[in-house]
Amino acid sequence: MAMYWLVIPVALYFFRERIATTLAGLPARKTVVQGHLITLVLGLLYILPVEFVGLGVLKRPAYLGSLWCNIFTLLYTLKSNYGAPPLPQMSGFSMSNWRQMGQAALQQLAPWLQKAMSGVDFHWLFFVLIWMSAYPSVWAILIIGRRSLWSVGSYCSNETLPETASWRESRVWKMFAPTWAKLKAQEAQVLHYSTLAEILLGIWLVVSILMPWRQILPCILYWNFLRQRYQVPRSHEAHTKAWRQLGEKAQPLLQAVPFLQKPLDMAKGWFQPQA
């Protein structure tokens, strides 16, 4: 089944102009929220124990569908914020000059990448792509779903936007609105726990290297994601607070096993921006 999903990026490439024309006529913010809503619904379908009612066959398509929908949503957000990345010029390509062509393509993309990498959506795109190549994870879906829920909830509760009136009148939103009000009131705490979940997921990937289901490449990529999250100003404060809390919890263990302090200090240095 996994091979069928490869058709999606191929189709996106060949029909990119038609897709771009169609998306250009849609309200950007509404389109992004709809993407997050589909991400959330498919994520719930994966998390819920639907296999007990004979719908287990939907689990993996729901997981991949949630990730793919989030990828498309993030790509659309990046395009809306920074414009489309320049397509590399492939004229004159041959096997003898592939390296030169690759360097030229990177030079063309460099200005766009410098702008896009400063935004949080680029980091979350990296996060989702990591889990496209890793084993399915409920925790990854929960982290993605929390972001999507916040996007949908913030949009639907915004009474200053005329287009949200129909959303607020829907039966589903009226049922969920009281829950959203409680979540919004505890936004700082929810975001803190979400940040802790990001870090704990990375720690679990390290621990799982000692187990048969180890994932070495996703582990390396994920810790690079955590490093970027720590260094970026928008998420630095939240990650610093979360790491400090985990450090306080781990202090008794470090006192009992002091040789762990050295690799911990090395990790702290690696997380700092390199001069």
Protein backbone atom coordinates (compact mmCIF):
# COMPACT_ATOMS: atom_id res chain seq x y z
CA MET A 1 0.00 0.00 0.00
CA ALA A 2 2.90 2.35 0.72
CA MET A 3 3.80 2.49 -2.97
CA TYR A 4 0.46 4.09 -3.81
CA TRP A 5 1.32 7.11 -1.69
CA LEU A 6 4.28 7.82 -3.96
CA VAL A 7 1.77 8.76 -6.66
CA ILE A 8 0.78 11.86 -4.65
CA PRO A 9 4.05 13.84 -4.93
CA VAL A 10 4.41 12.80 -8.59
CA ALA A 11 0.89 14.02 -9.37
CA LEU A 12 1.53 17.25 -7.47
CA TYR A 13 4.60 17.92 -9.61
CA PHE A 14 2.91 17.30 -12.97
CA PHE A 15 -0.26 19.22 -12.06
CA ARG A 16 1.45 21.95 -10.02
CA GLU A 17 0.38 24.79 -12.32
CA ARG A 18 -3.28 23.78 -12.28
CA ILE A 19 -3.21 23.29 -8.50
CA ALA A 20 -1.53 26.68 -8.01
CA THR A 21 -4.18 28.35 -10.19
CA THR A 22 -6.99 26.72 -8.22
CA LEU A 23 -5.52 27.55 -4.82
CA ALA A 24 -4.85 31.14 -5.85
CA GLY A 25 -8.60 31.78 -6.00
CA LEU A 26 -9.27 30.47 -2.49
CA PRO A 27 -9.16 32.51 0.75
CA ALA A 28 -5.74 31.71 2.18
CA ARG A 29 -6.67 31.60 5.86
CA LYS A 30 -9.81 29.55 5.32
CA THR A 31 -7.93 27.07 3.14
CA VAL A 32 -5.26 26.61 5.81
CA VAL A 33 -7.89 26.04 8.51
CA GLN A 34 -9.71 23.50 6.35
CA GLY A 35 -6.42 21.66 5.90
CA HIS A 36 -5.86 21.62 9.66
CA LEU A 37 -9.43 20.41 10.18
CA ILE A 38 -8.93 17.44 7.85
CA THR A 39 -5.59 16.73 9.55
CA LEU A 40 -7.37 16.69 12.90
CA VAL A 41 -10.24 14.44 11.76
CA LEU A 42 -7.91 11.87 10.16
CA GLY A 43 -5.66 11.99 13.23
CA LEU A 44 -8.64 11.22 15.48
CA LEU A 45 -9.61 8.33 13.21
CA TYR A 46 -6.13 6.89 13.69
CA ILE A 47 -6.04 7.40 17.46
CA LEU A 48 -9.51 6.07 18.21
CA PRO A 49 -9.75 2.25 18.59
CA VAL A 50 -11.81 1.80 15.42
CA GLU A 51 -10.36 -1.69 14.97
CA PHE A 52 -12.78 -2.91 17.64
CA VAL A 53 -15.70 -2.10 15.34
CA GLY A 54 -14.16 -3.73 12.27
CA LEU A 55 -12.56 -0.59 10.80
CA GLY A 56 -8.93 -1.46 11.47
CA VAL A 57 -8.19 -1.29 7.75
CA LEU A 58 -8.64 2.50 7.97
CA LYS A 59 -5.89 3.01 10.57
CA ARG A 60 -2.85 3.29 8.30
CA PRO A 61 -4.61 5.33 5.56
CA ALA A 62 -5.87 7.70 8.28
CA TYR A 63 -2.34 8.05 9.69
CA LEU A 64 -0.72 8.74 6.32
CA GLY A 65 -3.64 10.93 5.26
CA SER A 66 -3.27 13.06 8.39
CA LEU A 67 0.45 13.54 7.74
CA TRP A 68 0.02 14.26 4.03
CA CYS A 69 -2.78 16.74 4.66
CA ASN A 70 -0.62 18.54 7.21
CA ILE A 71 2.28 18.62 4.74
CA PHE A 72 0.08 20.19 2.06
CA THR A 73 -1.29 22.69 4.58
CA LEU A 74 2.18 23.72 5.74
CA LEU A 75 3.44 23.99 2.15
CA TYR A 76 0.46 26.19 1.29
CA THR A 77 1.14 28.35 4.36
CA LEU A 78 4.80 28.72 3.38
CA LYS A 79 3.79 29.70 -0.15
CA SER A 80 1.29 32.25 1.20
CA ASN A 81 3.87 33.76 3.56
CA TYR A 82 7.02 33.64 1.45
CA GLY A 83 5.89 32.97 -2.10
CA ALA A 84 6.63 29.86 -4.13
CA PRO A 85 10.24 28.63 -4.13
CA PRO A 86 12.02 29.13 -7.46
CA LEU A 87 12.06 26.01 -9.62
CA PRO A 88 15.62 24.92 -10.50
CA GLN A 89 16.59 25.31 -14.14
CA MET A 90 17.27 21.79 -15.39
CA SER A 91 18.12 22.62 -19.01
CA GLY A 92 21.38 21.05 -20.12
CA PHE A 93 21.30 18.43 -17.36
CA SER A 94 23.48 15.35 -17.82
CA MET A 95 25.08 12.74 -15.61
CA SER A 96 28.46 14.42 -16.05
CA ASN A 97 27.39 17.78 -14.60
CA TRP A 98 24.81 16.70 -12.01
CA ARG A 99 26.91 18.05 -9.16
CA GLN A 100 27.22 21.50 -10.73
CA MET A 101 23.49 21.52 -11.49
CA GLY A 102 22.73 20.60 -7.88
CA GLN A 103 24.90 23.40 -6.54
CA ALA A 104 23.27 25.88 -8.92
CA ALA A 105 19.81 24.73 -7.79
CA LEU A 106 20.76 25.22 -4.13
CA GLN A 107 22.04 28.71 -4.88
CA GLN A 108 18.70 29.56 -6.50
CA LEU A 109 16.78 28.21 -3.49
CA ALA A 110 19.04 29.77 -0.84
CA PRO A 111 17.28 33.19 -0.57
CA TRP A 112 13.86 31.57 -0.28
CA LEU A 113 15.10 29.01 2.25
CA GLN A 114 16.65 31.71 4.43
CA LYS A 115 13.29 33.42 4.70
CA ALA A 116 11.21 30.24 5.10
CA MET A 117 13.48 28.65 7.72
CA SER A 118 12.88 31.60 10.03
CA GLY A 119 9.19 30.65 10.28
CA VAL A 120 7.75 28.02 12.59
CA ASP A 121 5.83 26.33 9.76
CA PHE A 122 9.08 25.25 8.11
CA HIS A 123 10.19 23.49 11.30
CA TRP A 124 6.86 21.72 11.63
CA LEU A 125 7.07 20.65 7.99
CA PHE A 126 10.40 19.04 8.91
CA PHE A 127 8.71 17.36 11.90
CA VAL A 128 5.95 15.84 9.78
CA LEU A 129 8.37 14.66 7.08
CA ILE A 130 10.38 12.83 9.75
CA TRP A 131 7.32 10.83 10.74
CA MET A 132 6.51 10.03 7.13
CA SER A 133 9.63 7.84 7.16
CA ALA A 134 9.31 6.56 10.76
CA TYR A 135 7.09 4.00 12.42
CA PRO A 136 3.54 5.26 13.09
CA SER A 137 3.35 7.12 16.38
CA VAL A 138 0.30 8.12 18.37
CA TRP A 139 2.38 10.78 20.15
CA ALA A 140 3.42 12.38 16.85
CA ILE A 141 -0.23 12.54 15.77
CA LEU A 142 -1.19 14.07 19.13
CA ILE A 143 1.47 16.78 18.76
CA ILE A 144 0.38 17.54 15.18
CA GLY A 145 -3.27 17.38 16.18
CA ARG A 146 -2.77 19.88 19.01
CA ARG A 147 -1.44 22.45 16.52
CA SER A 148 -4.29 21.76 14.10
CA LEU A 149 -6.86 22.00 16.89
CA TRP A 150 -5.46 25.37 17.94
CA SER A 151 -5.63 26.68 14.37
CA VAL A 152 -9.24 25.53 13.89
CA GLY A 153 -10.37 26.68 17.33
CA SER A 154 -8.75 30.11 17.04
CA TYR A 155 -10.29 30.60 13.61
CA CYS A 156 -13.81 29.51 14.55
CA SER A 157 -13.87 31.59 17.73
CA ASN A 158 -12.72 34.76 15.96
CA GLU A 159 -15.89 36.82 15.71
CA THR A 160 -14.15 39.62 13.79
CA LEU A 161 -13.93 37.48 10.64
CA PRO A 162 -17.18 37.47 8.64
CA GLU A 163 -16.48 34.08 7.06
CA THR A 164 -16.41 32.35 10.46
CA ALA A 165 -20.11 33.00 11.11
CA SER A 166 -21.19 29.83 9.30
CA TRP A 167 -18.58 27.81 11.19
CA ARG A 168 -19.83 29.07 14.55
CA GLU A 169 -23.40 28.15 13.64
CA SER A 170 -22.49 24.54 12.90
CA ARG A 171 -23.73 21.92 15.34
CA VAL A 172 -20.27 20.44 15.85
CA TRP A 173 -18.75 23.79 16.87
CA LYS A 174 -21.62 24.58 19.25
CA MET A 175 -20.96 21.25 20.97
CA PHE A 176 -17.21 21.85 21.13
CA ALA A 177 -17.23 25.58 21.96
CA PRO A 178 -17.42 25.13 25.78
CA THR A 179 -14.47 22.72 25.67
CA TRP A 180 -12.51 25.14 23.50
CA ALA A 181 -13.18 27.97 25.95
CA LYS A 182 -11.69 25.88 28.77
CA LEU A 183 -8.65 24.93 26.66
CA LYS A 184 -8.10 28.52 25.58
CA ALA A 185 -8.20 29.67 29.19
CA GLN A 186 -5.35 27.25 29.93
CA GLU A 187 -3.40 28.00 26.74
CA ALA A 188 -0.05 28.55 28.49
CA GLN A 189 -0.30 25.23 30.30
CA VAL A 190 -1.40 23.37 27.17
CA LEU A 191 1.50 24.78 25.16
CA HIS A 192 3.91 23.86 27.95
CA TYR A 193 2.72 20.25 28.00
CA SER A 194 2.90 20.15 24.22
CA THR A 195 6.54 21.29 24.37
CA LEU A 196 7.28 18.64 26.98
CA ALA A 197 5.72 16.05 24.67
CA GLU A 198 8.04 17.14 21.83
CA ILE A 199 11.09 16.63 24.04
CA LEU A 200 9.91 13.36 25.61
CA LEU A 201 9.24 11.95 22.16
CA GLY A 202 12.88 12.68 21.27
CA ILE A 203 14.06 11.01 24.49
CA TRP A 204 11.94 7.97 23.67
CA LEU A 205 13.58 7.72 20.24
CA VAL A 206 16.99 7.67 21.96
CA VAL A 207 15.88 4.97 24.42
CA SER A 208 14.35 2.88 21.62
CA ILE A 209 17.77 2.62 19.92
CA LEU A 210 18.50 -0.10 22.49
CA MET A 211 15.40 -2.01 21.39
CA PRO A 212 14.60 -4.12 18.31
CA TRP A 213 12.37 -1.42 16.79
CA ARG A 214 15.18 1.18 16.82
CA GLN A 215 14.93 4.09 14.37
CA ILE A 216 18.37 5.61 14.03
CA LEU A 217 17.82 8.02 11.13
CA PRO A 218 14.48 9.40 12.44
CA CYS A 219 16.16 9.82 15.84
CA ILE A 220 19.00 11.89 14.36
CA LEU A 221 16.61 14.00 12.30
CA TYR A 222 14.25 14.51 15.22
CA TRP A 223 17.00 15.80 17.50
CA ASN A 224 17.98 18.28 14.81
CA PHE A 225 14.33 19.40 14.86
CA LEU A 226 14.51 19.82 18.65
CA ARG A 227 17.72 21.79 18.28
CA GLN A 228 16.08 24.18 15.83
CA ARG A 229 13.08 24.57 18.12
CA TYR A 230 15.42 25.43 20.99
CA GLN A 231 17.34 28.02 18.98
CA VAL A 232 14.46 29.79 17.23
CA PRO A 233 13.35 32.86 19.25
CA ARG A 234 9.64 32.06 18.96
CA SER A 235 9.94 28.66 20.70
CA HIS A 236 13.20 29.16 22.65
CA GLU A 237 11.56 30.33 25.86
CA ALA A 238 9.07 27.44 25.92
CA HIS A 239 11.77 24.85 25.25
CA THR A 240 14.12 26.37 27.81
CA LYS A 241 11.39 26.16 30.44
CA ALA A 242 10.56 22.56 29.50
CA TRP A 243 14.21 21.46 29.55
CA ARG A 244 14.68 23.14 32.93
CA GLN A 245 11.72 21.26 34.36
CA LEU A 246 12.99 17.93 33.00
CA GLY A 247 16.45 18.72 34.40
CA GLU A 248 15.00 19.24 37.86
CA LYS A 249 13.15 15.92 37.63
CA ALA A 250 16.30 14.12 36.43
CA GLN A 251 18.62 15.62 39.07
CA PRO A 252 18.28 12.69 41.55
CA LEU A 253 19.20 10.27 38.75
CA LEU A 254 22.25 12.35 37.79
CA GLN A 255 23.39 12.37 41.41
CA ALA A 256 23.01 8.59 41.60
CA VAL A 257 24.72 8.00 38.22
CA PRO A 258 27.24 10.87 37.89
CA PHE A 259 28.87 9.58 34.67
CA LEU A 260 25.71 10.66 32.81
CA GLN A 261 26.58 14.29 33.50
CA LYS A 262 29.32 14.41 30.84
CA PRO A 263 27.15 13.37 27.86
CA LEU A 264 24.48 15.71 29.20
CA ASP A 265 26.93 18.63 29.17
CA MET A 266 27.96 17.72 25.61
CA ALA A 267 24.31 17.71 24.57
CA LYS A 268 23.79 21.13 26.15
CA GLY A 269 26.72 22.51 24.15
CA TRP A 270 25.37 21.00 20.93
CA PHE A 271 22.02 22.72 21.47
CA GLN A 272 23.62 26.14 21.68
CA PRO A 273 23.96 28.16 18.44
CA GLN A 274 27.33 27.54 16.85
CA ALA A 275 29.51 30.59 16.13
